[in-house]
Every structure is written in C-alpha cells, then in structure tokens.
Amino acid sequence: VSLIKKARREKANTLLFDNGDLIQGSALGDFIHEHPGQ
C-alpha cells in the first residue's frame, strides 16, 4: 500500500488492479471464512 501511494504521487494518471488469490491462503483468510459475518 505504501508503494501504491508513492507511485500515485509520481504520476497524474494511474490505474490500480488486482489479479486474484486474494481471500484465501493465510490464517487471517481462514479466520474470516470461519466467521462469515466478518
């Protein structure tokens, strides 16, 4: 996120994308899955 904000300060025109494998893969992802209201 710090790199994203720095890059945005460098250029007037920016676009930001994510390419997936976002919600699974760590203990944090597992915790949210097991607590669906989160």
PDB file of all heavy atoms in Angstrom:
ATOM      1  N   VAL A   1       0.839  -1.201   0.000  1.00  0.00           N
ATOM      2  CA  VAL A   1       0.000   0.000   0.000  1.00  0.00           C
ATOM      3  C   VAL A   1       0.876   1.253   0.000  1.00  0.00           C
ATOM      4  O   VAL A   1       0.585   2.233  -0.691  1.00  0.00           O
ATOM      5  CB  VAL A   1      -0.967  -0.005   1.200  1.00  0.00           C
ATOM      6  CG1 VAL A   1      -1.684   1.332   1.331  1.00  0.00           C
ATOM      7  CG2 VAL A   1      -1.998  -1.122   1.053  1.00  0.00           C
ATOM      8  N   SER A   2       1.964   1.228   0.757  1.00  0.00           N
ATOM      9  CA  SER A   2       2.885   2.377   0.762  1.00  0.00           C
ATOM     10  C   SER A   2       3.475   2.614  -0.622  1.00  0.00           C
ATOM     11  O   SER A   2       3.629   3.765  -1.062  1.00  0.00           O
ATOM     12  CB  SER A   2       4.004   2.152   1.785  1.00  0.00           C
ATOM     13  OG  SER A   2       3.489   2.110   3.100  1.00  0.00           O
ATOM     14  N   LEU A   3       3.813   1.526  -1.334  1.00  0.00           N
ATOM     15  CA  LEU A   3       4.331   1.655  -2.696  1.00  0.00           C
ATOM     16  C   LEU A   3       3.274   2.215  -3.639  1.00  0.00           C
ATOM     17  O   LEU A   3       3.578   3.015  -4.536  1.00  0.00           O
ATOM     18  CB  LEU A   3       4.818   0.304  -3.207  1.00  0.00           C
ATOM     19  CG  LEU A   3       6.105  -0.263  -2.606  1.00  0.00           C
ATOM     20  CD1 LEU A   3       6.409  -1.626  -3.217  1.00  0.00           C
ATOM     21  CD2 LEU A   3       7.276   0.691  -2.827  1.00  0.00           C
ATOM     22  N   ILE A   4       2.028   1.785  -3.460  1.00  0.00           N
ATOM     23  CA  ILE A   4       0.931   2.281  -4.296  1.00  0.00           C
ATOM     24  C   ILE A   4       0.773   3.795  -4.122  1.00  0.00           C
ATOM     25  O   ILE A   4       0.670   4.551  -5.098  1.00  0.00           O
ATOM     26  CB  ILE A   4      -0.389   1.558  -3.950  1.00  0.00           C
ATOM     27  CG1 ILE A   4      -0.332   0.098  -4.412  1.00  0.00           C
ATOM     28  CG2 ILE A   4      -1.586   2.258  -4.590  1.00  0.00           C
ATOM     29  CD1 ILE A   4      -1.449  -0.771  -3.860  1.00  0.00           C
ATOM     30  N   LYS A   5       0.758   4.237  -2.890  1.00  0.00           N
ATOM     31  CA  LYS A   5       0.572   5.666  -2.621  1.00  0.00           C
ATOM     32  C   LYS A   5       1.758   6.480  -3.141  1.00  0.00           C
ATOM     33  O   LYS A   5       1.584   7.598  -3.655  1.00  0.00           O
ATOM     34  CB  LYS A   5       0.357   5.893  -1.127  1.00  0.00           C
ATOM     35  CG  LYS A   5      -0.978   5.339  -0.633  1.00  0.00           C
ATOM     36  CD  LYS A   5      -1.204   5.595   0.848  1.00  0.00           C
ATOM     37  CE  LYS A   5      -2.586   5.095   1.271  1.00  0.00           C
ATOM     38  NZ  LYS A   5      -2.854   5.324   2.720  1.00  0.00           N
ATOM     39  N   LYS A   6       2.954   5.931  -3.035  1.00  0.00           N
ATOM     40  CA  LYS A   6       4.135   6.608  -3.568  1.00  0.00           C
ATOM     41  C   LYS A   6       4.048   6.725  -5.085  1.00  0.00           C
ATOM     42  O   LYS A   6       4.336   7.784  -5.663  1.00  0.00           O
ATOM     43  CB  LYS A   6       5.406   5.852  -3.178  1.00  0.00           C
ATOM     44  CG  LYS A   6       6.707   6.475  -3.685  1.00  0.00           C
ATOM     45  CD  LYS A   6       7.907   5.682  -3.214  1.00  0.00           C
ATOM     46  CE  LYS A   6       9.212   6.334  -3.664  1.00  0.00           C
ATOM     47  NZ  LYS A   6       9.357   6.291  -5.152  1.00  0.00           N
ATOM     48  N   ALA A   7       3.649   5.639  -5.760  1.00  0.00           N
ATOM     49  CA  ALA A   7       3.535   5.660  -7.221  1.00  0.00           C
ATOM     50  C   ALA A   7       2.486   6.661  -7.679  1.00  0.00           C
ATOM     51  O   ALA A   7       2.663   7.328  -8.710  1.00  0.00           O
ATOM     52  CB  ALA A   7       3.198   4.258  -7.729  1.00  0.00           C
ATOM     53  N   ARG A   8       1.424   6.791  -6.922  1.00  0.00           N
ATOM     54  CA  ARG A   8       0.382   7.753  -7.292  1.00  0.00           C
ATOM     55  C   ARG A   8       0.870   9.199  -7.168  1.00  0.00           C
ATOM     56  O   ARG A   8       0.411  10.073  -7.896  1.00  0.00           O
ATOM     57  CB  ARG A   8      -0.860   7.533  -6.426  1.00  0.00           C
ATOM     58  CG  ARG A   8      -1.721   6.368  -6.923  1.00  0.00           C
ATOM     59  CD  ARG A   8      -2.924   6.154  -6.040  1.00  0.00           C
ATOM     60  NE  ARG A   8      -3.903   5.288  -6.694  1.00  0.00           N
ATOM     61  CZ  ARG A   8      -4.906   4.700  -6.085  1.00  0.00           C
ATOM     62  NH1 ARG A   8      -5.066   4.875  -4.770  1.00  0.00           N
ATOM     63  NH2 ARG A   8      -5.752   3.950  -6.750  1.00  0.00           N
ATOM     64  N   ARG A   9       1.790   9.431  -6.254  1.00  0.00           N
ATOM     65  CA  ARG A   9       2.353  10.784  -6.140  1.00  0.00           C
ATOM     66  C   ARG A   9       3.264  11.109  -7.318  1.00  0.00           C
ATOM     67  O   ARG A   9       3.501  12.281  -7.628  1.00  0.00           O
ATOM     68  CB  ARG A   9       3.119  10.917  -4.816  1.00  0.00           C
ATOM     69  CG  ARG A   9       2.227  10.901  -3.574  1.00  0.00           C
ATOM     70  CD  ARG A   9       2.985  11.321  -2.334  1.00  0.00           C
ATOM     71  NE  ARG A   9       4.045  10.392  -1.969  1.00  0.00           N
ATOM     72  CZ  ARG A   9       3.896   9.366  -1.129  1.00  0.00           C
ATOM     73  NH1 ARG A   9       2.704   9.125  -0.588  1.00  0.00           N
ATOM     74  NH2 ARG A   9       4.919   8.595  -0.831  1.00  0.00           N
ATOM     75  N   GLU A  10       3.767  10.076  -7.969  1.00  0.00           N
ATOM     76  CA  GLU A  10       4.700  10.276  -9.086  1.00  0.00           C
ATOM     77  C   GLU A  10       3.998  10.599 -10.401  1.00  0.00           C
ATOM     78  O   GLU A  10       4.575  11.248 -11.267  1.00  0.00           O
ATOM     79  CB  GLU A  10       5.550   9.015  -9.277  1.00  0.00           C
ATOM     80  CG  GLU A  10       6.452   8.691  -8.102  1.00  0.00           C
ATOM     81  CD  GLU A  10       7.082   7.315  -8.241  1.00  0.00           C
ATOM     82  OE1 GLU A  10       6.874   6.670  -9.288  1.00  0.00           O
ATOM     83  OE2 GLU A  10       7.786   6.877  -7.303  1.00  0.00           O
ATOM     84  N   LYS A  11       2.778  10.108 -10.575  1.00  0.00           N
ATOM     85  CA  LYS A  11       2.085  10.241 -11.859  1.00  0.00           C
ATOM     86  C   LYS A  11       0.690  10.812 -11.662  1.00  0.00           C
ATOM     87  O   LYS A  11      -0.008  10.477 -10.700  1.00  0.00           O
ATOM     88  CB  LYS A  11       1.966   8.867 -12.547  1.00  0.00           C
ATOM     89  CG  LYS A  11       3.297   8.212 -12.885  1.00  0.00           C
ATOM     90  CD  LYS A  11       3.972   8.895 -14.053  1.00  0.00           C
ATOM     91  CE  LYS A  11       5.257   8.172 -14.432  1.00  0.00           C
ATOM     92  NZ  LYS A  11       5.921   8.802 -15.599  1.00  0.00           N
ATOM     93  N   ALA A  12       0.273  11.628 -12.613  1.00  0.00           N
ATOM     94  CA  ALA A  12      -1.062  12.229 -12.539  1.00  0.00           C
ATOM     95  C   ALA A  12      -2.151  11.224 -12.876  1.00  0.00           C
ATOM     96  O   ALA A  12      -3.264  11.295 -12.343  1.00  0.00           O
ATOM     97  CB  ALA A  12      -1.151  13.419 -13.490  1.00  0.00           C
ATOM     98  N   ASN A  13      -1.844  10.283 -13.779  1.00  0.00           N
ATOM     99  CA  ASN A  13      -2.849   9.343 -14.272  1.00  0.00           C
ATOM    100  C   ASN A  13      -2.476   7.921 -13.877  1.00  0.00           C
ATOM    101  O   ASN A  13      -1.453   7.400 -14.324  1.00  0.00           O
ATOM    102  CB  ASN A  13      -2.955   9.439 -15.800  1.00  0.00           C
ATOM    103  CG  ASN A  13      -3.105  10.871 -16.274  1.00  0.00           C
ATOM    104  OD1 ASN A  13      -3.937  11.610 -15.774  1.00  0.00           O
ATOM    105  ND2 ASN A  13      -2.271  11.261 -17.238  1.00  0.00           N
ATOM    106  N   THR A  14      -3.297   7.301 -13.037  1.00  0.00           N
ATOM    107  CA  THR A  14      -2.971   5.947 -12.590  1.00  0.00           C
ATOM    108  C   THR A  14      -4.213   5.060 -12.610  1.00  0.00           C
ATOM    109  O   THR A  14      -5.344   5.531 -12.483  1.00  0.00           O
ATOM    110  CB  THR A  14      -2.385   5.939 -11.165  1.00  0.00           C
ATOM    111  OG1 THR A  14      -3.354   6.452 -10.245  1.00  0.00           O
ATOM    112  CG2 THR A  14      -1.112   6.774 -11.100  1.00  0.00           C
ATOM    113  N   LEU A  15      -3.968   3.781 -12.756  1.00  0.00           N
ATOM    114  CA  LEU A  15      -4.989   2.742 -12.631  1.00  0.00           C
ATOM    115  C   LEU A  15      -4.430   1.659 -11.719  1.00  0.00           C
ATOM    116  O   LEU A  15      -3.218   1.407 -11.729  1.00  0.00           O
ATOM    117  CB  LEU A  15      -5.333   2.150 -14.002  1.00  0.00           C
ATOM    118  CG  LEU A  15      -5.986   3.092 -15.014  1.00  0.00           C
ATOM    119  CD1 LEU A  15      -5.865   2.504 -16.420  1.00  0.00           C
ATOM    120  CD2 LEU A  15      -7.448   3.332 -14.668  1.00  0.00           C
ATOM    121  N   LEU A  16      -5.305   0.999 -10.958  1.00  0.00           N
ATOM    122  CA  LEU A  16      -4.856   0.016  -9.980  1.00  0.00           C
ATOM    123  C   LEU A  16      -5.707  -1.247 -10.092  1.00  0.00           C
ATOM    124  O   LEU A  16      -6.939  -1.183 -10.042  1.00  0.00           O
ATOM    125  CB  LEU A  16      -4.967   0.603  -8.567  1.00  0.00           C
ATOM    126  CG  LEU A  16      -4.570  -0.274  -7.385  1.00  0.00           C
ATOM    127  CD1 LEU A  16      -3.127  -0.757  -7.496  1.00  0.00           C
ATOM    128  CD2 LEU A  16      -4.784   0.482  -6.074  1.00  0.00           C
ATOM    129  N   PHE A  17      -5.035  -2.394 -10.243  1.00  0.00           N
ATOM    130  CA  PHE A  17      -5.724  -3.662 -10.446  1.00  0.00           C
ATOM    131  C   PHE A  17      -5.173  -4.735  -9.500  1.00  0.00           C
ATOM    132  O   PHE A  17      -4.026  -4.671  -9.076  1.00  0.00           O
ATOM    133  CB  PHE A  17      -5.540  -4.145 -11.890  1.00  0.00           C
ATOM    134  CG  PHE A  17      -5.967  -3.138 -12.925  1.00  0.00           C
ATOM    135  CD1 PHE A  17      -5.025  -2.435 -13.656  1.00  0.00           C
ATOM    136  CD2 PHE A  17      -7.310  -2.893 -13.155  1.00  0.00           C
ATOM    137  CE1 PHE A  17      -5.408  -1.503 -14.602  1.00  0.00           C
ATOM    138  CE2 PHE A  17      -7.708  -1.963 -14.102  1.00  0.00           C
ATOM    139  CZ  PHE A  17      -6.762  -1.265 -14.832  1.00  0.00           C
ATOM    140  N   ASP A  18      -6.024  -5.744  -9.244  1.00  0.00           N
ATOM    141  CA  ASP A  18      -5.570  -6.927  -8.513  1.00  0.00           C
ATOM    142  C   ASP A  18      -5.832  -8.153  -9.370  1.00  0.00           C
ATOM    143  O   ASP A  18      -6.849  -8.228 -10.065  1.00  0.00           O
ATOM    144  CB  ASP A  18      -6.286  -7.071  -7.170  1.00  0.00           C
ATOM    145  CG  ASP A  18      -5.756  -8.265  -6.383  1.00  0.00           C
ATOM    146  OD1 ASP A  18      -4.629  -8.163  -5.853  1.00  0.00           O
ATOM    147  OD2 ASP A  18      -6.448  -9.299  -6.329  1.00  0.00           O
ATOM    148  N   ASN A  19      -4.926  -9.140  -9.279  1.00  0.00           N
ATOM    149  CA  ASN A  19      -5.004 -10.299 -10.157  1.00  0.00           C
ATOM    150  C   ASN A  19      -5.333 -11.599  -9.436  1.00  0.00           C
ATOM    151  O   ASN A  19      -4.990 -12.679  -9.907  1.00  0.00           O
ATOM    152  CB  ASN A  19      -3.695 -10.452 -10.936  1.00  0.00           C
ATOM    153  CG  ASN A  19      -3.954 -10.681 -12.411  1.00  0.00           C
ATOM    154  OD1 ASN A  19      -4.886 -11.386 -12.788  1.00  0.00           O
ATOM    155  ND2 ASN A  19      -3.121 -10.099 -13.252  1.00  0.00           N
ATOM    156  N   GLY A  20      -6.009 -11.494  -8.293  1.00  0.00           N
ATOM    157  CA  GLY A  20      -6.575 -12.688  -7.699  1.00  0.00           C
ATOM    158  C   GLY A  20      -5.738 -13.423  -6.679  1.00  0.00           C
ATOM    159  O   GLY A  20      -4.606 -13.047  -6.370  1.00  0.00           O
ATOM    160  N   ASP A  21      -6.313 -14.519  -6.153  1.00  0.00           N
ATOM    161  CA  ASP A  21      -5.801 -15.240  -4.986  1.00  0.00           C
ATOM    162  C   ASP A  21      -5.696 -14.268  -3.826  1.00  0.00           C
ATOM    163  O   ASP A  21      -4.631 -14.063  -3.236  1.00  0.00           O
ATOM    164  CB  ASP A  21      -4.462 -15.918  -5.283  1.00  0.00           C
ATOM    165  CG  ASP A  21      -4.642 -17.217  -6.055  1.00  0.00           C
ATOM    166  OD1 ASP A  21      -5.782 -17.516  -6.477  1.00  0.00           O
ATOM    167  OD2 ASP A  21      -3.643 -17.931  -6.252  1.00  0.00           O
ATOM    168  N   LEU A  22      -6.841 -13.718  -3.493  1.00  0.00           N
ATOM    169  CA  LEU A  22      -6.927 -12.625  -2.526  1.00  0.00           C
ATOM    170  C   LEU A  22      -7.419 -13.078  -1.162  1.00  0.00           C
ATOM    171  O   LEU A  22      -6.859 -12.717  -0.137  1.00  0.00           O
ATOM    172  CB  LEU A  22      -7.864 -11.547  -3.081  1.00  0.00           C
ATOM    173  CG  LEU A  22      -8.062 -10.291  -2.250  1.00  0.00           C
ATOM    174  CD1 LEU A  22      -6.818  -9.416  -2.323  1.00  0.00           C
ATOM    175  CD2 LEU A  22      -9.286  -9.507  -2.745  1.00  0.00           C
ATOM    176  N   ILE A  23      -8.495 -13.899  -1.133  1.00  0.00           N
ATOM    177  CA  ILE A  23      -9.231 -14.112   0.116  1.00  0.00           C
ATOM    178  C   ILE A  23      -8.836 -15.377   0.864  1.00  0.00           C
ATOM    179  O   ILE A  23      -9.348 -15.630   1.948  1.00  0.00           O
ATOM    180  CB  ILE A  23     -10.750 -14.126  -0.147  1.00  0.00           C
ATOM    181  CG1 ILE A  23     -11.142 -15.289  -1.093  1.00  0.00           C
ATOM    182  CG2 ILE A  23     -11.207 -12.790  -0.704  1.00  0.00           C
ATOM    183  CD1 ILE A  23     -12.641 -15.442  -1.284  1.00  0.00           C
ATOM    184  N   GLN A  24      -7.924 -16.165   0.309  1.00  0.00           N
ATOM    185  CA  GLN A  24      -7.513 -17.416   0.947  1.00  0.00           C
ATOM    186  C   GLN A  24      -6.001 -17.523   0.967  1.00  0.00           C
ATOM    187  O   GLN A  24      -5.327 -16.985   0.101  1.00  0.00           O
ATOM    188  CB  GLN A  24      -8.109 -18.614   0.180  1.00  0.00           C
ATOM    189  CG  GLN A  24      -7.850 -19.975   0.777  1.00  0.00           C
ATOM    190  CD  GLN A  24      -6.493 -20.584   0.372  1.00  0.00           C
ATOM    191  OE1 GLN A  24      -5.837 -20.088  -0.540  1.00  0.00           O
ATOM    192  NE2 GLN A  24      -6.098 -21.637   1.062  1.00  0.00           N
ATOM    193  N   GLY A  25      -5.468 -18.246   1.977  1.00  0.00           N
ATOM    194  CA  GLY A  25      -4.036 -18.520   1.933  1.00  0.00           C
ATOM    195  C   GLY A  25      -3.277 -18.222   3.204  1.00  0.00           C
ATOM    196  O   GLY A  25      -2.129 -18.615   3.346  1.00  0.00           O
ATOM    197  N   SER A  26      -3.916 -17.525   4.152  1.00  0.00           N
ATOM    198  CA  SER A  26      -3.250 -17.236   5.423  1.00  0.00           C
ATOM    199  C   SER A  26      -4.212 -17.538   6.559  1.00  0.00           C
ATOM    200  O   SER A  26      -5.405 -17.766   6.357  1.00  0.00           O
ATOM    201  CB  SER A  26      -2.822 -15.764   5.484  1.00  0.00           C
ATOM    202  OG  SER A  26      -3.957 -14.921   5.639  1.00  0.00           O
ATOM    203  N   ALA A  27      -3.689 -17.499   7.776  1.00  0.00           N
ATOM    204  CA  ALA A  27      -4.535 -17.706   8.953  1.00  0.00           C
ATOM    205  C   ALA A  27      -5.621 -16.647   9.034  1.00  0.00           C
ATOM    206  O   ALA A  27      -6.734 -16.916   9.494  1.00  0.00           O
ATOM    207  CB  ALA A  27      -3.679 -17.695  10.221  1.00  0.00           C
ATOM    208  N   LEU A  28      -5.317 -15.450   8.578  1.00  0.00           N
ATOM    209  CA  LEU A  28      -6.317 -14.383   8.578  1.00  0.00           C
ATOM    210  C   LEU A  28      -7.460 -14.713   7.623  1.00  0.00           C
ATOM    211  O   LEU A  28      -8.637 -14.543   7.957  1.00  0.00           O
ATOM    212  CB  LEU A  28      -5.659 -13.053   8.205  1.00  0.00           C
ATOM    213  CG  LEU A  28      -6.527 -11.798   8.293  1.00  0.00           C
ATOM    214  CD1 LEU A  28      -5.693 -10.590   8.693  1.00  0.00           C
ATOM    215  CD2 LEU A  28      -7.233 -11.500   6.975  1.00  0.00           C
ATOM    216  N   GLY A  29      -7.120 -15.214   6.438  1.00  0.00           N
ATOM    217  CA  GLY A  29      -8.153 -15.608   5.481  1.00  0.00           C
ATOM    218  C   GLY A  29      -9.013 -16.730   6.021  1.00  0.00           C
ATOM    219  O   GLY A  29     -10.247 -16.727   5.850  1.00  0.00           O
ATOM    220  N   ASP A  30      -8.394 -17.708   6.687  1.00  0.00           N
ATOM    221  CA  ASP A  30      -9.144 -18.820   7.268  1.00  0.00           C
ATOM    222  C   ASP A  30     -10.065 -18.338   8.386  1.00  0.00           C
ATOM    223  O   ASP A  30     -11.209 -18.796   8.510  1.00  0.00           O
ATOM    224  CB  ASP A  30      -8.184 -19.873   7.821  1.00  0.00           C
ATOM    225  CG  ASP A  30      -7.446 -20.626   6.727  1.00  0.00           C
ATOM    226  OD1 ASP A  30      -7.940 -20.648   5.578  1.00  0.00           O
ATOM    227  OD2 ASP A  30      -6.367 -21.183   7.019  1.00  0.00           O
ATOM    228  N   PHE A  31      -9.572 -17.409   9.198  1.00  0.00           N
ATOM    229  CA  PHE A  31     -10.378 -16.895  10.309  1.00  0.00           C
ATOM    230  C   PHE A  31     -11.647 -16.216   9.790  1.00  0.00           C
ATOM    231  O   PHE A  31     -12.740 -16.440  10.323  1.00  0.00           O
ATOM    232  CB  PHE A  31      -9.562 -15.902  11.146  1.00  0.00           C
ATOM    233  CG  PHE A  31     -10.369 -15.230  12.219  1.00  0.00           C
ATOM    234  CD1 PHE A  31     -10.602 -15.871  13.423  1.00  0.00           C
ATOM    235  CD2 PHE A  31     -10.908 -13.968  12.016  1.00  0.00           C
ATOM    236  CE1 PHE A  31     -11.367 -15.255  14.415  1.00  0.00           C
ATOM    237  CE2 PHE A  31     -11.676 -13.348  12.995  1.00  0.00           C
ATOM    238  CZ  PHE A  31     -11.896 -14.000  14.209  1.00  0.00           C
ATOM    239  N   ILE A  32     -11.509 -15.412   8.758  1.00  0.00           N
ATOM    240  CA  ILE A  32     -12.678 -14.712   8.220  1.00  0.00           C
ATOM    241  C   ILE A  32     -13.664 -15.700   7.619  1.00  0.00           C
ATOM    242  O   ILE A  32     -14.885 -15.542   7.757  1.00  0.00           O
ATOM    243  CB  ILE A  32     -12.232 -13.658   7.186  1.00  0.00           C
ATOM    244  CG1 ILE A  32     -11.422 -12.565   7.888  1.00  0.00           C
ATOM    245  CG2 ILE A  32     -13.429 -13.039   6.474  1.00  0.00           C
ATOM    246  CD1 ILE A  32     -10.752 -11.609   6.962  1.00  0.00           C
ATOM    247  N   HIS A  33     -13.150 -16.743   6.967  1.00  0.00           N
ATOM    248  CA  HIS A  33     -14.041 -17.767   6.413  1.00  0.00           C
ATOM    249  C   HIS A  33     -14.826 -18.462   7.519  1.00  0.00           C
ATOM    250  O   HIS A  33     -16.016 -18.779   7.358  1.00  0.00           O
ATOM    251  CB  HIS A  33     -13.229 -18.795   5.624  1.00  0.00           C
ATOM    252  CG  HIS A  33     -14.030 -19.959   5.156  1.00  0.00           C
ATOM    253  ND1 HIS A  33     -13.784 -21.255   5.580  1.00  0.00           N
ATOM    254  CD2 HIS A  33     -15.112 -20.038   4.325  1.00  0.00           C
ATOM    255  CE1 HIS A  33     -14.664 -22.074   5.023  1.00  0.00           C
ATOM    256  NE2 HIS A  33     -15.476 -21.366   4.267  1.00  0.00           N
ATOM    257  N   GLU A  34     -14.187 -18.695   8.649  1.00  0.00           N
ATOM    258  CA  GLU A  34     -14.844 -19.394   9.756  1.00  0.00           C
ATOM    259  C   GLU A  34     -15.744 -18.477  10.575  1.00  0.00           C
ATOM    260  O   GLU A  34     -16.495 -18.948  11.430  1.00  0.00           O
ATOM    261  CB  GLU A  34     -13.778 -20.030  10.647  1.00  0.00           C
ATOM    262  CG  GLU A  34     -13.023 -21.160   9.952  1.00  0.00           C
ATOM    263  CD  GLU A  34     -11.761 -21.572  10.676  1.00  0.00           C
ATOM    264  OE1 GLU A  34     -11.642 -21.238  11.877  1.00  0.00           O
ATOM    265  OE2 GLU A  34     -10.902 -22.222  10.052  1.00  0.00           O
ATOM    266  N   HIS A  35     -15.672 -17.176  10.315  1.00  0.00           N
ATOM    267  CA  HIS A  35     -16.537 -16.189  10.970  1.00  0.00           C
ATOM    268  C   HIS A  35     -17.195 -15.354   9.871  1.00  0.00           C
ATOM    269  O   HIS A  35     -16.786 -14.219   9.600  1.00  0.00           O
ATOM    270  CB  HIS A  35     -15.732 -15.304  11.926  1.00  0.00           C
ATOM    271  CG  HIS A  35     -15.094 -16.060  13.050  1.00  0.00           C
ATOM    272  ND1 HIS A  35     -13.944 -16.809  12.881  1.00  0.00           N
ATOM    273  CD2 HIS A  35     -15.464 -16.227  14.355  1.00  0.00           C
ATOM    274  CE1 HIS A  35     -13.622 -17.377  14.031  1.00  0.00           C
ATOM    275  NE2 HIS A  35     -14.528 -17.040  14.938  1.00  0.00           N
ATOM    276  N   PRO A  36     -18.208 -15.912   9.209  1.00  0.00           N
ATOM    277  CA  PRO A  36     -18.741 -15.339   7.970  1.00  0.00           C
ATOM    278  C   PRO A  36     -19.345 -13.944   8.090  1.00  0.00           C
ATOM    279  O   PRO A  36     -19.498 -13.246   7.084  1.00  0.00           O
ATOM    280  CB  PRO A  36     -19.806 -16.358   7.546  1.00  0.00           C
ATOM    281  CG  PRO A  36     -20.121 -17.147   8.768  1.00  0.00           C
ATOM    282  CD  PRO A  36     -18.869 -17.187   9.577  1.00  0.00           C
ATOM    283  N   GLY A  37     -19.656 -13.498   9.296  1.00  0.00           N
ATOM    284  CA  GLY A  37     -20.192 -12.146   9.429  1.00  0.00           C
ATOM    285  C   GLY A  37     -19.121 -11.075   9.402  1.00  0.00           C
ATOM    286  O   GLY A  37     -19.423  -9.874   9.394  1.00  0.00           O
ATOM    287  N   GLN A  38     -17.875 -11.500   9.377  1.00  0.00           N
ATOM    288  CA  GLN A  38     -16.742 -10.580   9.438  1.00  0.00           C
ATOM    289  C   GLN A  38     -16.419 -10.023   8.057  1.00  0.00           C
ATOM    290  O   GLN A  38     -16.202 -10.773   7.107  1.00  0.00           O
ATOM    291  CB  GLN A  38     -15.513 -11.318   9.979  1.00  0.00           C
ATOM    292  CG  GLN A  38     -14.270 -10.492  10.087  1.00  0.00           C
ATOM    293  CD  GLN A  38     -14.292  -9.598  11.315  1.00  0.00           C
ATOM    294  OE1 GLN A  38     -14.473 -10.039  12.438  1.00  0.00           O
ATOM    295  NE2 GLN A  38     -14.116  -8.304  11.077  1.00  0.00           N
TER     296      GLN A  38
END
